[in-house]
Amino acid sequence: MSLSLTAEEIDEAFTLSAEDRYDYFVEKVAESGEIWSLSEGDEWLILKTDDEECLPVWPHPAMAEDWAGESHDGCKAKAIPLEVWLERWVEGLDGDSITLAVFPGNDPDGVIVSAGELTDAIVAAQDRLAQ
């Protein structure tokens, strides 16, 4: 379940470095149990570069929609429950060689990882929270 965030909290998160946004993402997803991405109808937004395809993911729907802005006008934030992520998404993304753009911001820097790598980090964060 998503917590509400103020515009200031969202803006502050976007000012973090790419590495700090990654850490923020991992901690928030470990707490909430949800990963957010963008979809237009039944199609997920996939970012393409010369040599890879990436699914962008965020820790909160407002952050995803803020990033989408007018560039991806038809896209809406859509939740992926962590349980479903673990059961279906990780294997599928890794099998299709689709990487993840973790909490992309408005800067050109970003953290790109495999679904398996990100999942390992989230599970480790959940373990820390459980202690």
Protein backbone atom coordinates (compact mmCIF):
# COMPACT_ATOMS: atom_id res chain seq x y z
CA MET A 1 0.00 0.00 0.00
CA SER A 2 1.39 3.38 -0.99
CA LEU A 3 1.83 6.10 1.55
CA SER A 4 0.93 9.61 0.52
CA LEU A 5 3.84 11.89 -0.22
CA THR A 6 3.95 15.65 -0.38
CA ALA A 7 5.19 17.44 -3.48
CA GLU A 8 8.23 18.49 -1.46
CA GLU A 9 9.05 14.88 -0.56
CA ILE A 10 8.78 13.85 -4.20
CA ASP A 11 10.94 16.76 -5.36
CA GLU A 12 13.52 16.00 -2.67
CA ALA A 13 13.74 12.35 -3.74
CA PHE A 14 14.32 13.40 -7.36
CA THR A 15 17.27 15.59 -6.28
CA LEU A 16 19.13 12.57 -4.88
CA SER A 17 22.01 11.08 -6.86
CA ALA A 18 21.22 8.00 -8.95
CA GLU A 19 22.88 5.74 -6.35
CA ASP A 20 20.94 7.36 -3.50
CA ARG A 21 17.68 7.04 -5.47
CA TYR A 22 18.49 3.32 -5.88
CA ASP A 23 18.97 2.93 -2.12
CA TYR A 24 15.79 4.92 -1.47
CA PHE A 25 13.89 2.67 -3.89
CA VAL A 26 15.12 -0.54 -2.26
CA GLU A 27 14.19 0.61 1.24
CA LYS A 28 10.74 1.94 0.29
CA VAL A 29 9.84 -1.16 -1.72
CA ALA A 30 11.00 -3.39 1.14
CA GLU A 31 8.66 -1.44 3.44
CA SER A 32 5.64 -1.15 1.13
CA GLY A 33 5.78 -4.43 -0.78
CA GLU A 34 5.02 -2.67 -4.07
CA ILE A 35 7.00 -1.79 -7.17
CA TRP A 36 5.57 0.85 -9.51
CA SER A 37 6.04 1.23 -13.22
CA LEU A 38 4.19 2.89 -16.09
CA SER A 39 1.71 1.32 -18.44
CA GLU A 40 -0.55 2.44 -21.21
CA GLY A 41 -3.46 0.05 -21.14
CA ASP A 42 -2.02 -3.46 -21.12
CA GLU A 43 1.42 -2.38 -22.37
CA TRP A 44 4.26 -1.59 -19.99
CA LEU A 45 6.56 1.30 -20.84
CA ILE A 46 9.93 -0.04 -22.01
CA LEU A 47 12.83 2.36 -22.50
CA LYS A 48 15.10 1.45 -25.38
CA THR A 49 18.73 2.35 -25.93
CA ASP A 50 21.11 1.20 -28.63
CA ASP A 51 21.94 -2.03 -26.84
CA GLU A 52 19.28 -2.71 -24.18
CA GLU A 53 15.68 -2.52 -23.12
CA CYS A 54 14.79 -1.29 -19.65
CA LEU A 55 11.65 -1.32 -17.57
CA PRO A 56 11.63 1.83 -15.42
CA VAL A 57 10.54 1.27 -11.81
CA TRP A 58 9.78 3.61 -8.92
CA PRO A 59 8.91 3.20 -5.23
CA HIS A 60 5.72 5.29 -5.43
CA PRO A 61 3.03 5.99 -8.04
CA ALA A 62 3.34 9.77 -7.75
CA MET A 63 7.05 9.53 -8.57
CA ALA A 64 6.37 7.43 -11.66
CA GLU A 65 3.71 9.81 -12.91
CA ASP A 66 5.84 12.86 -12.10
CA TRP A 67 8.68 11.41 -14.17
CA ALA A 68 6.32 10.52 -17.04
CA GLY A 69 5.05 14.08 -17.27
CA GLU A 70 3.96 15.11 -20.74
CA SER A 71 6.57 12.93 -22.48
CA HIS A 72 4.58 9.79 -21.76
CA ASP A 73 1.16 11.40 -21.51
CA GLY A 74 -0.92 8.23 -21.95
CA CYS A 75 0.96 6.29 -19.28
CA LYS A 76 -0.37 5.69 -15.80
CA ALA A 77 1.42 4.34 -12.74
CA LYS A 78 0.62 0.70 -12.09
CA ALA A 79 1.56 -1.36 -9.04
CA ILE A 80 3.32 -4.69 -9.14
CA PRO A 81 2.90 -6.39 -5.76
CA LEU A 82 6.24 -7.72 -4.54
CA GLU A 83 4.80 -11.23 -4.20
CA VAL A 84 3.81 -11.21 -7.90
CA TRP A 85 7.17 -9.66 -8.79
CA LEU A 86 8.97 -12.55 -7.12
CA GLU A 87 6.70 -15.25 -8.59
CA ARG A 88 6.53 -14.07 -12.20
CA TRP A 89 8.41 -10.94 -13.12
CA VAL A 90 12.00 -11.66 -12.15
CA GLU A 91 12.34 -14.81 -14.23
CA GLY A 92 10.48 -13.27 -17.16
CA LEU A 93 12.50 -10.05 -17.28
CA ASP A 94 15.82 -11.82 -16.86
CA GLY A 95 14.80 -14.44 -19.44
CA ASP A 96 13.92 -11.69 -21.94
CA SER A 97 17.14 -9.76 -21.13
CA ILE A 98 15.15 -6.72 -20.01
CA THR A 99 16.99 -4.73 -17.37
CA LEU A 100 15.55 -2.28 -14.87
CA ALA A 101 16.04 1.46 -14.74
CA VAL A 102 15.68 1.92 -10.99
CA PHE A 103 13.96 5.17 -9.97
CA PRO A 104 15.03 7.20 -13.01
CA GLY A 105 15.10 10.90 -12.38
CA ASN A 106 15.37 13.98 -14.51
CA ASP A 107 19.15 13.68 -14.84
CA PRO A 108 20.92 11.48 -17.39
CA ASP A 109 22.45 9.28 -14.68
CA GLY A 110 20.75 6.15 -13.51
CA VAL A 111 21.21 2.73 -12.03
CA ILE A 112 20.55 -0.14 -14.43
CA VAL A 113 20.40 -3.64 -12.93
CA SER A 114 18.92 -7.04 -13.67
CA ALA A 115 15.64 -8.02 -12.03
CA GLY A 116 17.51 -10.68 -10.06
CA GLU A 117 20.02 -8.16 -8.68
CA LEU A 118 17.30 -5.76 -7.62
CA THR A 119 15.27 -8.52 -6.03
CA ASP A 120 18.28 -9.67 -4.00
CA ALA A 121 18.71 -6.12 -2.68
CA ILE A 122 15.01 -5.82 -1.77
CA VAL A 123 14.96 -9.18 0.02
CA ALA A 124 18.10 -8.20 1.97
CA ALA A 125 16.42 -4.93 2.96
CA GLN A 126 13.30 -6.82 4.09
CA ASP A 127 15.51 -9.08 6.20
CA ARG A 128 17.08 -6.01 7.85
CA LEU A 129 13.64 -4.54 8.55
CA ALA A 130 12.48 -7.80 10.13
CA GLN A 131 15.30 -7.81 12.69
